[in-house]
PDB file of N, CA and C in Angstrom:
ATOM      1  N   UNK A   1     -36.024  32.404 -17.457  1.00  0.00           N
ATOM      2  CA  UNK A   1     -34.726  31.949 -17.557  1.00  0.00           C
ATOM      3  C   UNK A   1     -34.441  31.822 -19.175  1.00  0.00           C
ATOM      4  N   UNK A   2     -33.178  32.449 -19.809  1.00  0.00           N
ATOM      5  CA  UNK A   2     -32.890  32.326 -20.934  1.00  0.00           C
ATOM      6  C   UNK A   2     -32.688  31.012 -21.524  1.00  0.00           C
ATOM      7  N   UNK A   3     -32.578  30.648 -22.981  1.00  0.00           N
ATOM      8  CA  UNK A   3     -32.602  29.445 -23.312  1.00  0.00           C
ATOM      9  C   UNK A   3     -31.098  29.046 -23.491  1.00  0.00           C
ATOM     10  N   UNK A   4     -30.616  27.641 -22.760  1.00  0.00           N
ATOM     11  CA  UNK A   4     -29.495  27.297 -22.787  1.00  0.00           C
ATOM     12  C   UNK A   4     -28.919  26.815 -24.255  1.00  0.00           C
ATOM     13  N   UNK A   5     -27.612  27.144 -24.504  1.00  0.00           N
ATOM     14  CA  UNK A   5     -27.119  26.753 -25.546  1.00  0.00           C
ATOM     15  C   UNK A   5     -25.761  25.816 -25.363  1.00  0.00           C
ATOM     16  N   UNK A   6     -25.457  24.876 -26.420  1.00  0.00           N
ATOM     17  CA  UNK A   6     -24.131  24.484 -26.046  1.00  0.00           C
ATOM     18  C   UNK A   6     -23.005  24.866 -26.624  1.00  0.00           C
ATOM     19  N   UNK A   7     -21.865  25.028 -25.925  1.00  0.00           N
ATOM     20  CA  UNK A   7     -20.573  25.762 -26.383  1.00  0.00           C
ATOM     21  C   UNK A   7     -19.493  24.422 -26.505  1.00  0.00           C
ATOM     22  N   UNK A   8     -18.863  24.143 -27.295  1.00  0.00           N
ATOM     23  CA  UNK A   8     -17.763  23.349 -27.793  1.00  0.00           C
ATOM     24  C   UNK A   8     -16.529  23.826 -27.810  1.00  0.00           C
ATOM     25  N   UNK A   9     -15.474  23.333 -27.118  1.00  0.00           N
ATOM     26  CA  UNK A   9     -14.057  23.726 -27.323  1.00  0.00           C
ATOM     27  C   UNK A   9     -13.165  22.590 -26.905  1.00  0.00           C
ATOM     28  N   UNK A  10     -12.016  22.642 -27.122  1.00  0.00           N
ATOM     29  CA  UNK A  10     -11.032  21.516 -26.815  1.00  0.00           C
ATOM     30  C   UNK A  10     -10.124  22.006 -25.856  1.00  0.00           C
ATOM     31  N   UNK A  11      -9.744  21.056 -24.856  1.00  0.00           N
ATOM     32  CA  UNK A  11      -8.711  21.348 -23.804  1.00  0.00           C
ATOM     33  C   UNK A  11      -7.742  20.105 -23.924  1.00  0.00           C
ATOM     34  N   UNK A  12      -6.633  20.474 -23.214  1.00  0.00           N
ATOM     35  CA  UNK A  12      -5.701  19.255 -23.132  1.00  0.00           C
ATOM     36  C   UNK A  12      -6.215  18.436 -22.048  1.00  0.00           C
ATOM     37  N   UNK A  13      -6.237  17.107 -22.317  1.00  0.00           N
ATOM     38  CA  UNK A  13      -6.694  16.046 -21.524  1.00  0.00           C
ATOM     39  C   UNK A  13      -6.350  16.193 -20.043  1.00  0.00           C
ATOM     40  N   UNK A  14      -5.144  16.704 -19.670  1.00  0.00           N
ATOM     41  CA  UNK A  14      -4.565  16.798 -18.430  1.00  0.00           C
ATOM     42  C   UNK A  14      -5.099  18.090 -17.855  1.00  0.00           C
ATOM     43  N   UNK A  15      -5.308  19.013 -18.463  1.00  0.00           N
ATOM     44  CA  UNK A  15      -6.141  20.319 -18.048  1.00  0.00           C
ATOM     45  C   UNK A  15      -7.560  19.985 -17.724  1.00  0.00           C
ATOM     46  N   UNK A  16      -8.221  19.365 -18.590  1.00  0.00           N
ATOM     47  CA  UNK A  16      -9.738  18.727 -18.210  1.00  0.00           C
ATOM     48  C   UNK A  16      -9.690  17.958 -16.965  1.00  0.00           C
ATOM     49  N   UNK A  17      -8.789  16.929 -16.746  1.00  0.00           N
ATOM     50  CA  UNK A  17      -8.765  16.049 -15.599  1.00  0.00           C
ATOM     51  C   UNK A  17      -8.629  17.057 -14.302  1.00  0.00           C
ATOM     52  N   UNK A  18      -7.635  17.925 -14.407  1.00  0.00           N
ATOM     53  CA  UNK A  18      -7.352  18.781 -13.286  1.00  0.00           C
ATOM     54  C   UNK A  18      -8.357  19.678 -12.847  1.00  0.00           C
ATOM     55  N   UNK A  19      -9.106  20.269 -13.906  1.00  0.00           N
ATOM     56  CA  UNK A  19     -10.410  21.162 -13.799  1.00  0.00           C
ATOM     57  C   UNK A  19     -11.332  20.353 -13.142  1.00  0.00           C
ATOM     58  N   UNK A  20     -11.717  19.261 -13.654  1.00  0.00           N
ATOM     59  CA  UNK A  20     -12.701  18.419 -13.318  1.00  0.00           C
ATOM     60  C   UNK A  20     -12.569  18.171 -11.609  1.00  0.00           C
ATOM     61  N   UNK A  21     -11.388  17.656 -11.300  1.00  0.00           N
ATOM     62  CA  UNK A  21     -10.848  17.357  -9.933  1.00  0.00           C
ATOM     63  C   UNK A  21     -11.289  18.719  -8.954  1.00  0.00           C
ATOM     64  N   UNK A  22     -10.619  19.951  -9.608  1.00  0.00           N
ATOM     65  CA  UNK A  22     -10.942  20.982  -8.700  1.00  0.00           C
ATOM     66  C   UNK A  22     -12.314  21.388  -8.614  1.00  0.00           C
ATOM     67  N   UNK A  23     -13.254  21.264  -9.647  1.00  0.00           N
ATOM     68  CA  UNK A  23     -14.578  21.655  -9.539  1.00  0.00           C
ATOM     69  C   UNK A  23     -15.299  20.543  -8.581  1.00  0.00           C
ATOM     70  N   UNK A  24     -14.905  19.305  -8.838  1.00  0.00           N
ATOM     71  CA  UNK A  24     -15.622  18.309  -7.824  1.00  0.00           C
ATOM     72  C   UNK A  24     -15.344  18.909  -6.335  1.00  0.00           C
ATOM     73  N   UNK A  25     -14.126  19.326  -5.973  1.00  0.00           N
ATOM     74  CA  UNK A  25     -13.592  19.539  -4.603  1.00  0.00           C
ATOM     75  C   UNK A  25     -14.563  20.485  -3.992  1.00  0.00           C
ATOM     76  N   UNK A  26     -14.885  21.630  -5.124  1.00  0.00           N
ATOM     77  CA  UNK A  26     -15.641  22.720  -4.823  1.00  0.00           C
ATOM     78  C   UNK A  26     -17.335  22.445  -4.871  1.00  0.00           C
ATOM     79  N   UNK A  27     -17.581  21.245  -5.145  1.00  0.00           N
ATOM     80  CA  UNK A  27     -18.988  20.928  -5.290  1.00  0.00           C
ATOM     81  C   UNK A  27     -19.655  21.573  -6.551  1.00  0.00           C
ATOM     82  N   UNK A  28     -18.778  21.842  -7.644  1.00  0.00           N
ATOM     83  CA  UNK A  28     -19.124  22.260  -9.078  1.00  0.00           C
ATOM     84  C   UNK A  28     -19.216  21.285 -10.028  1.00  0.00           C
ATOM     85  N   UNK A  29     -20.080  21.470 -11.328  1.00  0.00           N
ATOM     86  CA  UNK A  29     -19.589  20.920 -12.320  1.00  0.00           C
ATOM     87  C   UNK A  29     -18.707  21.623 -13.243  1.00  0.00           C
ATOM     88  N   UNK A  30     -18.044  21.310 -14.306  1.00  0.00           N
ATOM     89  CA  UNK A  30     -17.452  21.914 -15.213  1.00  0.00           C
ATOM     90  C   UNK A  30     -18.142  23.104 -15.553  1.00  0.00           C
ATOM     91  N   UNK A  31     -19.556  22.784 -16.181  1.00  0.00           N
ATOM     92  CA  UNK A  31     -20.617  23.482 -16.847  1.00  0.00           C
ATOM     93  C   UNK A  31     -20.741  24.629 -15.829  1.00  0.00           C
ATOM     94  N   UNK A  32     -21.000  24.371 -14.784  1.00  0.00           N
ATOM     95  CA  UNK A  32     -21.309  25.673 -13.585  1.00  0.00           C
ATOM     96  C   UNK A  32     -20.107  26.436 -13.397  1.00  0.00           C
ATOM     97  N   UNK A  33     -19.065  25.917 -13.560  1.00  0.00           N
ATOM     98  CA  UNK A  33     -17.712  26.725 -13.395  1.00  0.00           C
ATOM     99  C   UNK A  33     -17.503  27.552 -14.655  1.00  0.00           C
ATOM    100  N   UNK A  34     -17.574  27.015 -15.952  1.00  0.00           N
ATOM    101  CA  UNK A  34     -17.685  27.842 -17.148  1.00  0.00           C
ATOM    102  C   UNK A  34     -18.841  28.900 -17.135  1.00  0.00           C
ATOM    103  N   UNK A  35     -20.059  28.692 -16.547  1.00  0.00           N
ATOM    104  CA  UNK A  35     -20.961  29.652 -16.641  1.00  0.00           C
ATOM    105  C   UNK A  35     -20.633  30.724 -15.508  1.00  0.00           C
ATOM    106  N   UNK A  36     -20.217  30.400 -14.352  1.00  0.00           N
ATOM    107  CA  UNK A  36     -19.665  31.657 -13.532  1.00  0.00           C
ATOM    108  C   UNK A  36     -18.673  32.281 -14.156  1.00  0.00           C
ATOM    109  N   UNK A  37     -17.940  31.753 -14.951  1.00  0.00           N
ATOM    110  CA  UNK A  37     -16.747  32.547 -15.584  1.00  0.00           C
ATOM    111  C   UNK A  37     -17.466  33.462 -16.618  1.00  0.00           C
ATOM    112  N   UNK A  38     -18.247  32.994 -17.549  1.00  0.00           N
ATOM    113  CA  UNK A  38     -18.966  33.707 -18.629  1.00  0.00           C
ATOM    114  C   UNK A  38     -19.751  34.880 -17.965  1.00  0.00           C
ATOM    115  N   UNK A  39     -20.319  34.574 -16.812  1.00  0.00           N
ATOM    116  CA  UNK A  39     -21.324  35.646 -16.404  1.00  0.00           C
ATOM    117  C   UNK A  39     -20.297  36.740 -15.940  1.00  0.00           C
ATOM    118  N   UNK A  40     -19.204  36.488 -15.351  1.00  0.00           N
ATOM    119  CA  UNK A  40     -18.294  37.419 -14.708  1.00  0.00           C
ATOM    120  C   UNK A  40     -17.788  38.400 -15.990  1.00  0.00           C
ATOM    121  N   UNK A  41     -17.409  37.670 -16.981  1.00  0.00           N
ATOM    122  CA  UNK A  41     -16.928  38.200 -18.285  1.00  0.00           C
ATOM    123  C   UNK A  41     -17.790  39.320 -18.730  1.00  0.00           C
ATOM    124  N   UNK A  42     -18.905  38.691 -18.673  1.00  0.00           N
ATOM    125  CA  UNK A  42     -20.103  39.643 -19.330  1.00  0.00           C
ATOM    126  C   UNK A  42     -20.327  40.634 -18.672  1.00  0.00           C
ATOM    127  N   UNK A  43     -20.303  40.432 -17.324  1.00  0.00           N
ATOM    128  CA  UNK A  43     -20.671  41.603 -16.285  1.00  0.00           C
ATOM    129  C   UNK A  43     -19.687  42.632 -16.411  1.00  0.00           C
ATOM    130  N   UNK A  44     -18.398  42.137 -16.313  1.00  0.00           N
ATOM    131  CA  UNK A  44     -17.163  43.145 -15.974  1.00  0.00           C
ATOM    132  C   UNK A  44     -16.705  43.456 -17.279  1.00  0.00           C
ATOM    133  N   UNK A  45     -16.559  42.788 -18.452  1.00  0.00           N
ATOM    134  CA  UNK A  45     -16.396  43.117 -19.759  1.00  0.00           C
ATOM    135  C   UNK A  45     -14.521  42.964 -19.397  1.00  0.00           C
ATOM    136  N   UNK A  46     -14.227  41.953 -18.806  1.00  0.00           N
ATOM    137  CA  UNK A  46     -12.611  41.801 -18.554  1.00  0.00           C
ATOM    138  C   UNK A  46     -12.687  40.190 -18.355  1.00  0.00           C
ATOM    139  N   UNK A  47     -11.368  39.816 -18.524  1.00  0.00           N
ATOM    140  CA  UNK A  47     -10.837  38.363 -17.937  1.00  0.00           C
ATOM    141  C   UNK A  47     -10.942  38.423 -16.380  1.00  0.00           C
ATOM    142  N   UNK A  48     -11.472  37.825 -15.580  1.00  0.00           N
ATOM    143  CA  UNK A  48     -11.325  38.146 -14.168  1.00  0.00           C
ATOM    144  C   UNK A  48     -10.297  37.677 -13.232  1.00  0.00           C
ATOM    145  N   UNK A  49      -9.257  37.628 -14.015  1.00  0.00           N
ATOM    146  CA  UNK A  49      -7.955  37.265 -13.409  1.00  0.00           C
ATOM    147  C   UNK A  49      -6.707  37.750 -14.389  1.00  0.00           C
ATOM    148  N   UNK A  50      -5.653  37.884 -13.736  1.00  0.00           N
ATOM    149  CA  UNK A  50      -4.370  38.265 -14.801  1.00  0.00           C
ATOM    150  C   UNK A  50      -3.977  37.285 -15.392  1.00  0.00           C
ATOM    151  N   UNK A  51      -3.815  37.644 -16.863  1.00  0.00           N
ATOM    152  CA  UNK A  51      -3.096  37.013 -17.954  1.00  0.00           C
ATOM    153  C   UNK A  51      -1.879  37.651 -18.155  1.00  0.00           C
ATOM    154  N   UNK A  52      -1.028  36.844 -18.041  1.00  0.00           N
ATOM    155  CA  UNK A  52       0.313  37.265 -18.235  1.00  0.00           C
ATOM    156  C   UNK A  52       1.335  36.033 -18.544  1.00  0.00           C
ATOM    157  N   UNK A  53       2.525  36.366 -19.159  1.00  0.00           N
ATOM    158  CA  UNK A  53       3.604  35.465 -19.398  1.00  0.00           C
ATOM    159  C   UNK A  53       4.205  35.035 -18.354  1.00  0.00           C
ATOM    160  N   UNK A  54       4.550  33.720 -17.928  1.00  0.00           N
ATOM    161  CA  UNK A  54       5.565  33.481 -16.968  1.00  0.00           C
ATOM    162  C   UNK A  54       6.974  33.713 -17.202  1.00  0.00           C
ATOM    163  N   UNK A  55       7.592  34.754 -16.439  1.00  0.00           N
ATOM    164  CA  UNK A  55       8.801  35.038 -16.695  1.00  0.00           C
ATOM    165  C   UNK A  55       9.876  33.909 -16.848  1.00  0.00           C
ATOM    166  N   UNK A  56       9.460  32.751 -16.269  1.00  0.00           N
ATOM    167  CA  UNK A  56      10.576  31.352 -16.323  1.00  0.00           C
ATOM    168  C   UNK A  56      10.590  31.135 -17.939  1.00  0.00           C
ATOM    169  N   UNK A  57       9.680  31.559 -18.617  1.00  0.00           N
ATOM    170  CA  UNK A  57       9.771  30.998 -20.000  1.00  0.00           C
ATOM    171  C   UNK A  57      10.403  32.111 -21.012  1.00  0.00           C
ATOM    172  N   UNK A  58      10.903  33.382 -20.302  1.00  0.00           N
ATOM    173  CA  UNK A  58      11.461  34.272 -21.310  1.00  0.00           C
ATOM    174  C   UNK A  58      12.712  33.907 -22.037  1.00  0.00           C
ATOM    175  N   UNK A  59      12.714  34.192 -23.295  1.00  0.00           N
ATOM    176  CA  UNK A  59      13.833  34.001 -23.993  1.00  0.00           C
ATOM    177  C   UNK A  59      15.295  33.967 -23.211  1.00  0.00           C
ATOM    178  N   UNK A  60      15.424  34.975 -22.456  1.00  0.00           N
ATOM    179  CA  UNK A  60      16.667  35.106 -21.789  1.00  0.00           C
ATOM    180  C   UNK A  60      17.004  34.041 -20.717  1.00  0.00           C
ATOM    181  N   UNK A  61      15.754  33.681 -20.017  1.00  0.00           N
ATOM    182  CA  UNK A  61      15.869  32.541 -18.975  1.00  0.00           C
ATOM    183  C   UNK A  61      16.167  31.147 -19.706  1.00  0.00           C
ATOM    184  N   UNK A  62      15.464  30.910 -20.785  1.00  0.00           N
ATOM    185  CA  UNK A  62      15.711  29.992 -21.465  1.00  0.00           C
ATOM    186  C   UNK A  62      17.215  29.627 -22.048  1.00  0.00           C
ATOM    187  N   UNK A  63      17.648  30.928 -22.639  1.00  0.00           N
ATOM    188  CA  UNK A  63      19.186  30.762 -22.830  1.00  0.00           C
ATOM    189  C   UNK A  63      20.111  30.369 -21.564  1.00  0.00           C
ATOM    190  N   UNK A  64      19.677  31.054 -20.522  1.00  0.00           N
ATOM    191  CA  UNK A  64      20.533  31.034 -19.140  1.00  0.00           C
ATOM    192  C   UNK A  64      20.304  29.439 -19.031  1.00  0.00           C
ATOM    193  N   UNK A  65      19.205  28.786 -18.966  1.00  0.00           N
ATOM    194  CA  UNK A  65      19.143  27.659 -18.476  1.00  0.00           C
ATOM    195  C   UNK A  65      19.812  26.729 -19.419  1.00  0.00           C
ATOM    196  N   UNK A  66      19.687  26.859 -20.697  1.00  0.00           N
ATOM    197  CA  UNK A  66      20.271  26.177 -21.842  1.00  0.00           C
ATOM    198  C   UNK A  66      21.747  26.199 -21.651  1.00  0.00           C
ATOM    199  N   UNK A  67      22.309  27.330 -21.283  1.00  0.00           N
ATOM    200  CA  UNK A  67      23.702  27.302 -21.116  1.00  0.00           C
ATOM    201  C   UNK A  67      24.292  26.569 -19.682  1.00  0.00           C
ATOM    202  N   UNK A  68      23.450  26.696 -18.642  1.00  0.00           N
ATOM    203  CA  UNK A  68      23.631  26.050 -17.366  1.00  0.00           C
ATOM    204  C   UNK A  68      23.799  24.442 -17.733  1.00  0.00           C
ATOM    205  N   UNK A  69      22.690  23.991 -18.550  1.00  0.00           N
ATOM    206  CA  UNK A  69      22.724  22.482 -18.695  1.00  0.00           C
ATOM    207  C   UNK A  69      23.895  22.083 -19.646  1.00  0.00           C
ATOM    208  N   UNK A  70      24.310  22.839 -20.585  1.00  0.00           N
ATOM    209  CA  UNK A  70      25.576  22.704 -21.279  1.00  0.00           C
ATOM    210  C   UNK A  70      26.687  22.478 -20.433  1.00  0.00           C
ATOM    211  N   UNK A  71      26.862  23.481 -19.516  1.00  0.00           N
ATOM    212  CA  UNK A  71      27.859  23.396 -18.531  1.00  0.00           C
ATOM    213  C   UNK A  71      27.812  22.093 -17.731  1.00  0.00           C
ATOM    214  N   UNK A  72      26.639  21.817 -17.326  1.00  0.00           N
ATOM    215  CA  UNK A  72      26.506  20.859 -16.504  1.00  0.00           C
ATOM    216  C   UNK A  72      27.107  19.422 -17.288  1.00  0.00           C
ATOM    217  N   UNK A  73      26.438  19.305 -18.278  1.00  0.00           N
ATOM    218  CA  UNK A  73      26.921  18.091 -19.171  1.00  0.00           C
ATOM    219  C   UNK A  73      28.508  18.149 -19.740  1.00  0.00           C
ATOM    220  N   UNK A  74      29.173  19.274 -19.797  1.00  0.00           N
ATOM    221  CA  UNK A  74      30.317  19.313 -19.782  1.00  0.00           C
ATOM    222  C   UNK A  74      31.362  19.118 -18.582  1.00  0.00           C
ATOM    223  N   UNK A  75      30.430  19.068 -17.587  1.00  0.00           N
ATOM    224  CA  UNK A  75      31.177  18.916 -16.239  1.00  0.00           C
ATOM    225  C   UNK A  75      31.748  20.444 -15.746  1.00  0.00           C
ATOM    226  N   UNK A  76      31.259  21.379 -16.372  1.00  0.00           N
ATOM    227  CA  UNK A  76      31.924  22.699 -15.638  1.00  0.00           C
ATOM    228  C   UNK A  76      30.972  23.030 -14.760  1.00  0.00           C
ATOM    229  N   UNK A  77      30.084  22.501 -14.200  1.00  0.00           N
ATOM    230  CA  UNK A  77      29.227  23.188 -13.258  1.00  0.00           C
ATOM    231  C   UNK A  77      29.419  22.670 -11.810  1.00  0.00           C
ATOM    232  N   UNK A  78      29.695  23.483 -10.855  1.00  0.00           N
ATOM    233  CA  UNK A  78      29.967  22.948  -9.458  1.00  0.00           C
ATOM    234  C   UNK A  78      28.859  23.220  -8.628  1.00  0.00           C
ATOM    235  N   UNK A  79      28.210  22.172  -7.817  1.00  0.00           N
ATOM    236  CA  UNK A  79      27.149  22.400  -6.787  1.00  0.00           C
ATOM    237  C   UNK A  79      27.652  22.511  -5.501  1.00  0.00           C
ATOM    238  N   UNK A  80      27.069  23.176  -4.528  1.00  0.00           N
ATOM    239  CA  UNK A  80      27.197  23.188  -3.338  1.00  0.00           C
ATOM    240  C   UNK A  80      25.872  23.204  -2.469  1.00  0.00           C
ATOM    241  N   UNK A  81      25.994  22.373  -1.353  1.00  0.00           N
ATOM    242  CA  UNK A  81      24.627  22.380  -0.599  1.00  0.00           C
ATOM    243  C   UNK A  81      24.282  23.838  -0.152  1.00  0.00           C
ATOM    244  N   UNK A  82      23.073  23.877  -0.066  1.00  0.00           N
ATOM    245  CA  UNK A  82      22.578  25.285   0.509  1.00  0.00           C
ATOM    246  C   UNK A  82      22.517  25.490   1.853  1.00  0.00           C
ATOM    247  N   UNK A  83      22.902  26.489   2.741  1.00  0.00           N
ATOM    248  CA  UNK A  83      22.952  26.299   3.908  1.00  0.00           C
ATOM    249  C   UNK A  83      21.440  26.014   4.662  1.00  0.00           C
ATOM    250  N   UNK A  84      20.195  26.547   3.871  1.00  0.00           N
ATOM    251  CA  UNK A  84      19.036  26.232   4.440  1.00  0.00           C
ATOM    252  C   UNK A  84      18.346  24.657   4.485  1.00  0.00           C
ATOM    253  N   UNK A  85      19.359  23.928   3.765  1.00  0.00           N
ATOM    254  CA  UNK A  85      19.034  22.558   3.596  1.00  0.00           C
ATOM    255  C   UNK A  85      19.385  21.740   4.847  1.00  0.00           C
ATOM    256  N   UNK A  86      18.134  21.146   5.487  1.00  0.00           N
ATOM    257  CA  UNK A  86      18.238  20.570   6.578  1.00  0.00           C
ATOM    258  C   UNK A  86      18.448  19.095   6.233  1.00  0.00           C
ATOM    259  N   UNK A  87      19.094  18.375   7.170  1.00  0.00           N
ATOM    260  CA  UNK A  87      19.430  17.039   7.092  1.00  0.00           C
ATOM    261  C   UNK A  87      18.541  16.057   7.854  1.00  0.00           C
TER     262      UNK A  87
END
């Protein structure tokens, strides 16, 4: 077996907590999960999942949402109950 080395990096506390819980649910340590990730990247020479920008945060959508919020605050936005909402 190759010599183990330490790798240190920072994570947002909430991200770490969420990952610890997910790993625990799968019976893994975070170290084992990162090792699995690193081995897969090394073998495949790629990130083993899609990395993309969430379109929700696009400039045009943010502008649209900001305008809707401004309309709401100014009382210019009318709401109607959707027909799929059950009582």
